[in-house]
Amino acid sequence: MIPLPSDASVSIAGRSPGLAAEAVEAVVTLPTFKRPQQVLETLASLKAQRTGRRFAVVVVENETEAREGASAVLPLFESGEMTGMVIIAHERGNCSAYNAGWQTAILQFPNFRHLLVIDDDEIAAPDWLERMCKAAETLHADIVGGPQVPVFADPSHARWAEHPVFAPPYRETGRVPALYSSGNLLVGRNVLAAMGPPFLDLRFNFMGGGDSDFLSRSAQKGFVLGWCAEAKVKETVPARRVEADWIRARSLRNGVISTLVEKKKRAGTPLAGLKVFLKSLALLAASPLRGAIRLARTGSLTTGLYPVYVALGRVLAEFGYANEQYRQPERN
């Protein structure tokens, strides 16, 4: 195991032979945690990419005991079937894994222009990488997001695809005012250089939302955000995630994250905390009407309750509530 020179919490488990790091134009980071079969499927979709760009994959293993994901993918890299490397992020947590992958990309691949992110429960369309990079270049965007198309383990759950928890925030390609998720994302090297490590705030490590916070801070710095509707990844959704308690917990969590991100955004401005709290109270007061409108439009009570739970989560965040769903990944 070879520690990276600037961070003893990250080690290189293996790499492809003769890796020409200087020639790599794009780096794909792929965090994994206890999903050995799924990460192999994600890698297969990356191997099938149709692009003339030279790209490398950095698999980030965040389970430091059994390391099933790393064990599953290492033979592909060591045989040269996949180009890139496998690293171990020794500190548990969503943000720790992302930070390890992004910092490794900076240290190991000196000339890449685009960093892309895909999760180990996602499958990239064959033109995913090319379309994301092309969108960044044609839109002159520093960061580009793309849709995560839900694929439900139980086909009868397909009706959930339009629930706000699963539906994409945009439908058309173009510049956008905000992005919220790193599940399908491109970040320019210039953004990483300006934002500096640690890129994702470790306070969000087990809650999620570190990506939303990073994207909010990047927009504040003036980086241009874009959306590529054609660059799709398919995301596996287990039956657990359409159960009422999971949807409720995720909706409340989204509200908590919204408050925390907005507080950081307003930090240093007059009456920042009070303004955020008053906004949360206003959203809570308006949420029954907003929910009723959603219910009338969709016919779904769960969809109608979404703005109520989000607003409630915003208010609960003021009293220290934090739903750290990633602390128990088996229940997530």
Protein backbone atom coordinates (compact mmCIF):
# COMPACT_ATOMS: atom_id res chain seq x y z
CA MET A 1 0.00 0.00 0.00
CA ILE A 2 1.57 3.31 -1.11
CA PRO A 3 0.54 6.45 0.82
CA LEU A 4 0.00 9.56 -1.27
CA PRO A 5 2.73 12.09 -0.50
CA SER A 6 0.46 14.81 0.94
CA ASP A 7 -2.09 12.76 2.84
CA ALA A 8 -1.39 9.67 4.95
CA SER A 9 -5.15 9.00 5.16
CA VAL A 10 -5.15 7.97 1.49
CA SER A 11 -3.22 5.05 0.01
CA ILE A 12 -2.85 3.70 -3.51
CA ALA A 13 -3.89 0.03 -3.58
CA GLY A 14 -2.95 -0.49 -7.21
CA ARG A 15 -2.72 1.12 -10.61
CA SER A 16 -2.69 0.20 -14.26
CA PRO A 17 0.78 -0.63 -15.64
CA GLY A 18 2.50 2.04 -17.68
CA LEU A 19 -0.06 4.65 -16.71
CA ALA A 20 0.67 7.77 -18.80
CA ALA A 21 -0.70 10.21 -16.26
CA GLU A 22 0.49 13.29 -18.15
CA ALA A 23 -1.63 12.40 -21.18
CA VAL A 24 -4.91 12.05 -19.27
CA GLU A 25 -7.46 14.69 -20.26
CA ALA A 26 -10.30 13.67 -17.95
CA VAL A 27 -10.41 11.83 -14.63
CA VAL A 28 -13.48 9.93 -13.42
CA THR A 29 -13.69 9.44 -9.66
CA LEU A 30 -15.77 6.49 -8.47
CA PRO A 31 -16.31 6.19 -4.68
CA THR A 32 -17.44 2.76 -3.46
CA PHE A 33 -18.62 1.29 -0.16
CA LYS A 34 -19.67 -2.36 0.24
CA ARG A 35 -20.96 -2.73 -3.33
CA PRO A 36 -18.43 -5.01 -5.06
CA GLN A 37 -20.80 -6.24 -7.78
CA GLN A 38 -22.31 -2.85 -8.48
CA VAL A 39 -18.95 -1.11 -8.75
CA LEU A 40 -17.91 -3.69 -11.35
CA GLU A 41 -21.04 -2.84 -13.34
CA THR A 42 -20.24 0.87 -13.09
CA LEU A 43 -16.70 0.20 -14.30
CA ALA A 44 -18.01 -1.84 -17.23
CA SER A 45 -20.11 1.16 -18.30
CA LEU A 46 -17.02 3.39 -18.09
CA LYS A 47 -14.98 0.95 -20.16
CA ALA A 48 -17.70 1.14 -22.84
CA GLN A 49 -17.49 4.93 -23.20
CA ARG A 50 -17.43 6.24 -26.77
CA THR A 51 -14.93 9.06 -26.74
CA GLY A 52 -11.61 10.02 -28.24
CA ARG A 53 -10.54 11.69 -25.02
CA ARG A 54 -7.91 10.01 -22.88
CA PHE A 55 -9.42 9.39 -19.47
CA ALA A 56 -8.50 7.55 -16.31
CA VAL A 57 -10.65 6.19 -13.50
CA VAL A 58 -9.88 6.59 -9.78
CA VAL A 59 -11.84 4.08 -7.69
CA VAL A 60 -12.09 5.26 -4.07
CA GLU A 61 -12.60 2.41 -1.59
CA ASN A 62 -14.09 3.78 1.65
CA GLU A 63 -14.51 0.49 3.51
CA THR A 64 -11.15 -0.11 5.15
CA GLU A 65 -11.66 -3.59 6.63
CA ALA A 66 -12.93 -6.12 4.09
CA ARG A 67 -12.30 -3.80 1.10
CA GLU A 68 -14.53 -5.91 -1.12
CA GLY A 69 -14.86 -3.19 -3.72
CA ALA A 70 -11.12 -2.70 -4.06
CA SER A 71 -10.55 -6.46 -4.24
CA ALA A 72 -13.16 -6.80 -6.97
CA VAL A 73 -11.78 -4.05 -9.23
CA LEU A 74 -8.03 -4.32 -8.66
CA PRO A 75 -7.50 -7.13 -11.22
CA LEU A 76 -9.04 -4.92 -13.93
CA PHE A 77 -6.54 -2.14 -13.25
CA GLU A 78 -3.48 -4.32 -12.65
CA SER A 79 -4.13 -6.19 -15.93
CA GLY A 80 -4.44 -2.90 -17.82
CA GLU A 81 -8.07 -3.57 -18.75
CA MET A 82 -8.98 -0.32 -16.98
CA THR A 83 -6.79 2.78 -17.01
CA GLY A 84 -6.25 4.51 -13.69
CA MET A 85 -5.86 3.48 -10.07
CA VAL A 86 -7.57 2.18 -6.95
CA ILE A 87 -7.10 4.10 -3.72
CA ILE A 88 -8.15 3.54 -0.12
CA ALA A 89 -9.72 6.48 1.73
CA HIS A 90 -9.02 5.44 5.33
CA GLU A 91 -11.36 7.99 6.93
CA ARG A 92 -15.00 6.92 6.69
CA GLY A 93 -17.62 9.21 5.29
CA ASN A 94 -19.13 10.52 2.09
CA CYS A 95 -17.13 13.75 2.02
CA SER A 96 -13.89 12.00 3.01
CA ALA A 97 -14.22 9.64 0.05
CA TYR A 98 -14.92 12.43 -2.45
CA ASN A 99 -12.09 14.57 -1.09
CA ALA A 100 -9.66 11.65 -1.38
CA GLY A 101 -10.59 11.02 -5.00
CA TRP A 102 -10.43 14.65 -6.05
CA GLN A 103 -7.13 15.30 -4.29
CA THR A 104 -5.65 12.16 -5.84
CA ALA A 105 -6.70 13.38 -9.28
CA ILE A 106 -4.92 16.70 -8.67
CA LEU A 107 -1.75 15.02 -7.40
CA GLN A 108 -1.51 12.16 -9.89
CA PHE A 109 -2.79 13.61 -13.18
CA PRO A 110 -1.11 16.97 -13.77
CA ASN A 111 -2.78 17.92 -17.05
CA PHE A 112 -6.41 16.83 -16.83
CA ARG A 113 -9.01 19.45 -17.64
CA HIS A 114 -12.24 17.81 -16.49
CA LEU A 115 -12.98 15.75 -13.38
CA LEU A 116 -16.14 13.66 -13.54
CA VAL A 117 -17.99 11.95 -10.69
CA ILE A 118 -20.13 8.82 -10.79
CA ASP A 119 -21.36 6.70 -7.89
CA ASP A 120 -21.10 2.93 -7.48
CA ASP A 121 -24.85 2.43 -7.86
CA GLU A 122 -24.89 4.15 -11.26
CA ILE A 123 -24.41 3.06 -14.87
CA ALA A 124 -23.13 5.60 -17.40
CA ALA A 125 -24.65 5.82 -20.87
CA PRO A 126 -22.04 5.13 -23.60
CA ASP A 127 -21.74 8.82 -24.56
CA TRP A 128 -21.85 10.10 -20.98
CA LEU A 129 -18.26 11.29 -20.62
CA GLU A 130 -18.11 12.86 -24.09
CA ARG A 131 -21.40 14.68 -23.64
CA MET A 132 -20.46 16.03 -20.21
CA CYS A 133 -17.12 17.33 -21.46
CA LYS A 134 -18.68 18.76 -24.62
CA ALA A 135 -21.37 20.52 -22.59
CA ALA A 136 -18.73 22.13 -20.38
CA GLU A 137 -16.92 23.39 -23.46
CA THR A 138 -19.93 24.58 -25.48
CA LEU A 139 -21.73 26.18 -22.52
CA HIS A 140 -18.43 27.63 -21.24
CA ALA A 141 -19.41 26.15 -17.88
CA ASP A 142 -16.97 25.35 -15.09
CA ILE A 143 -19.26 22.75 -13.52
CA VAL A 144 -21.87 20.59 -15.26
CA GLY A 145 -24.53 18.35 -13.78
CA GLY A 146 -26.54 15.63 -15.46
CA PRO A 147 -29.62 13.53 -14.74
CA GLN A 148 -29.63 10.46 -12.53
CA VAL A 149 -32.38 8.31 -14.02
CA PRO A 150 -33.87 6.06 -11.32
CA VAL A 151 -34.08 2.34 -12.10
CA PHE A 152 -36.27 0.76 -9.46
CA ALA A 153 -35.44 -2.73 -8.22
CA ASP A 154 -39.17 -3.40 -8.23
CA PRO A 155 -40.58 -2.25 -11.64
CA SER A 156 -43.93 -1.54 -10.01
CA HIS A 157 -42.25 1.39 -8.23
CA ALA A 158 -41.61 3.23 -11.51
CA ARG A 159 -44.34 5.73 -10.62
CA TRP A 160 -41.95 7.17 -8.03
CA ALA A 161 -39.67 8.52 -10.76
CA GLU A 162 -41.35 11.94 -10.67
CA HIS A 163 -41.17 12.31 -6.88
CA PRO A 164 -38.93 15.31 -6.03
CA VAL A 165 -36.48 13.00 -4.24
CA PHE A 166 -35.75 11.20 -7.53
CA ALA A 167 -36.65 13.66 -10.31
CA PRO A 168 -33.89 15.78 -11.92
CA PRO A 169 -33.90 19.52 -11.15
CA TYR A 170 -33.78 20.49 -14.86
CA ARG A 171 -35.10 19.05 -18.12
CA GLU A 172 -33.12 20.97 -20.75
CA THR A 173 -29.43 21.52 -21.47
CA GLY A 174 -28.09 24.97 -20.69
CA ARG A 175 -26.63 27.20 -18.02
CA VAL A 176 -28.36 26.93 -14.65
CA PRO A 177 -28.38 28.97 -11.43
CA ALA A 178 -27.73 26.07 -9.03
CA LEU A 179 -26.74 22.41 -8.83
CA TYR A 180 -27.34 20.11 -5.90
CA SER A 181 -25.77 16.68 -6.38
CA SER A 182 -22.44 15.10 -7.24
CA GLY A 183 -23.96 11.81 -8.40
CA ASN A 184 -23.50 12.85 -12.04
CA LEU A 185 -21.13 15.77 -12.18
CA LEU A 186 -18.24 17.38 -14.03
CA VAL A 187 -15.94 19.81 -12.24
CA GLY A 188 -13.24 21.77 -14.03
CA ARG A 189 -9.69 21.55 -12.75
CA ASN A 190 -9.78 25.34 -12.44
CA VAL A 191 -12.60 25.02 -9.88
CA LEU A 192 -10.70 22.49 -7.78
CA ALA A 193 -7.59 24.67 -7.87
CA ALA A 194 -9.52 27.73 -6.71
CA MET A 195 -11.62 25.98 -4.05
CA GLY A 196 -8.71 23.99 -2.63
CA PRO A 197 -8.78 20.96 -0.34
CA PRO A 198 -10.69 19.87 1.62
CA PHE A 199 -13.22 20.41 -1.15
CA LEU A 200 -16.24 19.02 0.69
CA ASP A 201 -16.92 20.16 4.25
CA LEU A 202 -16.52 17.19 6.61
CA ARG A 203 -19.42 18.43 8.72
CA PHE A 204 -21.63 16.87 6.03
CA ASN A 205 -19.71 13.57 6.08
CA PHE A 206 -22.52 11.29 7.24
CA MET A 207 -25.52 13.46 6.44
CA GLY A 208 -24.83 14.16 2.79
CA GLY A 209 -25.07 17.67 1.40
CA GLY A 210 -21.34 18.31 1.22
CA ASP A 211 -21.71 18.31 -2.55
CA SER A 212 -24.60 20.80 -2.44
CA ASP A 213 -22.54 23.05 -0.17
CA PHE A 214 -19.49 22.80 -2.45
CA LEU A 215 -21.59 23.67 -5.50
CA SER A 216 -23.19 26.61 -3.69
CA ARG A 217 -19.80 27.97 -2.64
CA SER A 218 -18.44 27.51 -6.17
CA ALA A 219 -21.32 29.50 -7.62
CA GLN A 220 -20.70 32.23 -5.05
CA LYS A 221 -17.12 32.46 -6.30
CA GLY A 222 -18.45 33.15 -9.77
CA PHE A 223 -18.01 29.78 -11.45
CA VAL A 224 -20.53 29.08 -14.19
CA LEU A 225 -22.90 26.12 -13.72
CA GLY A 226 -24.45 24.10 -16.53
CA TRP A 227 -26.76 21.14 -17.09
CA CYS A 228 -26.48 18.44 -19.76
CA ALA A 229 -29.85 16.68 -20.11
CA GLU A 230 -28.41 14.16 -22.58
CA ALA A 231 -25.57 12.92 -20.32
CA LYS A 232 -27.53 10.36 -18.33
CA VAL A 233 -26.57 7.84 -15.72
CA LYS A 234 -28.96 5.16 -14.49
CA GLU A 235 -29.18 4.92 -10.72
CA THR A 236 -30.26 1.71 -9.00
CA VAL A 237 -33.00 2.37 -6.45
CA PRO A 238 -33.57 -0.50 -3.99
CA ALA A 239 -37.09 -1.17 -2.71
CA ARG A 240 -36.05 0.27 0.67
CA ARG A 241 -35.91 3.78 -0.81
CA VAL A 242 -39.57 3.98 -1.70
CA GLU A 243 -40.74 3.13 1.80
CA ALA A 244 -42.54 5.96 3.57
CA ASP A 245 -40.01 6.32 6.40
CA TRP A 246 -37.05 6.56 3.99
CA ILE A 247 -38.78 9.16 1.81
CA ARG A 248 -39.71 11.14 4.94
CA ALA A 249 -36.17 10.94 6.33
CA ARG A 250 -34.63 12.01 3.01
CA SER A 251 -37.07 14.90 2.68
CA LEU A 252 -36.33 16.12 6.22
CA ARG A 253 -32.62 15.75 5.52
CA ASN A 254 -32.96 17.86 2.38
CA GLY A 255 -34.48 20.60 4.51
CA VAL A 256 -31.68 20.40 7.07
CA ILE A 257 -29.08 20.63 4.32
CA SER A 258 -30.89 23.61 2.81
CA THR A 259 -30.63 25.52 6.10
CA LEU A 260 -26.98 24.62 6.69
CA VAL A 261 -25.94 25.55 3.14
CA GLU A 262 -27.83 28.85 3.28
CA LYS A 263 -26.27 29.74 6.63
CA LYS A 264 -22.81 29.23 5.17
CA LYS A 265 -23.80 31.27 2.12
CA ARG A 266 -24.99 34.20 4.25
CA ALA A 267 -22.16 33.97 6.79
CA GLY A 268 -20.70 37.37 7.63
CA THR A 269 -23.74 39.33 6.48
CA PRO A 270 -25.96 41.33 8.90
CA LEU A 271 -28.57 39.27 10.80
CA ALA A 272 -27.69 36.21 8.73
CA GLY A 273 -28.95 33.65 11.23
CA LEU A 274 -32.21 35.49 11.85
CA LYS A 275 -32.91 35.86 8.12
CA VAL A 276 -32.40 32.15 7.52
CA PHE A 277 -34.67 31.25 10.44
CA LEU A 278 -37.42 33.64 9.31
CA LYS A 279 -37.23 32.24 5.80
CA SER A 280 -37.57 28.72 7.20
CA LEU A 281 -40.63 29.74 9.22
CA ALA A 282 -42.18 31.38 6.14
CA LEU A 283 -41.58 28.24 4.09
CA LEU A 284 -43.12 26.12 6.83
CA ALA A 285 -46.20 28.38 6.91
CA ALA A 286 -46.54 28.18 3.14
CA SER A 287 -45.82 24.46 2.88
CA PRO A 288 -49.41 23.18 3.35
CA LEU A 289 -50.61 25.28 0.40
CA ARG A 290 -47.60 24.29 -1.71
CA GLY A 291 -48.21 20.66 -0.78
CA ALA A 292 -51.89 20.90 -1.68
CA ILE A 293 -50.99 22.28 -5.11
CA ARG A 294 -48.58 19.39 -5.69
CA LEU A 295 -51.21 16.92 -4.51
CA ALA A 296 -53.78 18.34 -6.91
CA ARG A 297 -51.32 18.27 -9.79
CA THR A 298 -49.89 14.78 -9.22
CA GLY A 299 -52.50 12.93 -7.21
CA SER A 300 -49.70 11.68 -4.93
CA LEU A 301 -49.98 12.34 -1.20
CA THR A 302 -46.27 11.58 -0.72
CA THR A 303 -45.34 14.16 -3.34
CA GLY A 304 -47.73 16.62 -1.71
CA LEU A 305 -46.07 16.13 1.67
CA TYR A 306 -42.56 16.77 0.30
CA PRO A 307 -42.51 20.59 0.74
CA VAL A 308 -43.96 20.16 4.26
CA TYR A 309 -41.15 17.79 5.30
CA VAL A 310 -38.46 19.95 3.67
CA ALA A 311 -39.72 23.06 5.46
CA LEU A 312 -39.95 21.16 8.73
CA GLY A 313 -36.38 19.93 8.25
CA ARG A 314 -35.22 23.52 7.71
CA VAL A 315 -36.75 24.56 11.05
CA LEU A 316 -35.51 21.46 12.90
CA ALA A 317 -31.96 22.24 11.75
CA GLU A 318 -32.11 25.38 13.90
CA PHE A 319 -32.42 23.12 16.95
CA GLY A 320 -29.57 20.78 16.08
CA TYR A 321 -31.49 18.06 14.23
CA ALA A 322 -29.28 16.16 11.78
CA ASN A 323 -30.34 13.01 9.94
CA GLU A 324 -27.01 11.27 9.30
CA GLN A 325 -28.31 8.56 6.98
CA TYR A 326 -24.81 7.52 5.88
CA ARG A 327 -23.84 6.36 9.37
CA GLN A 328 -25.98 3.27 8.79
CA PRO A 329 -25.48 2.52 5.10
CA GLU A 330 -27.33 -0.78 5.34
CA ARG A 331 -30.49 1.21 6.10
CA ASN A 332 -29.91 3.87 3.46
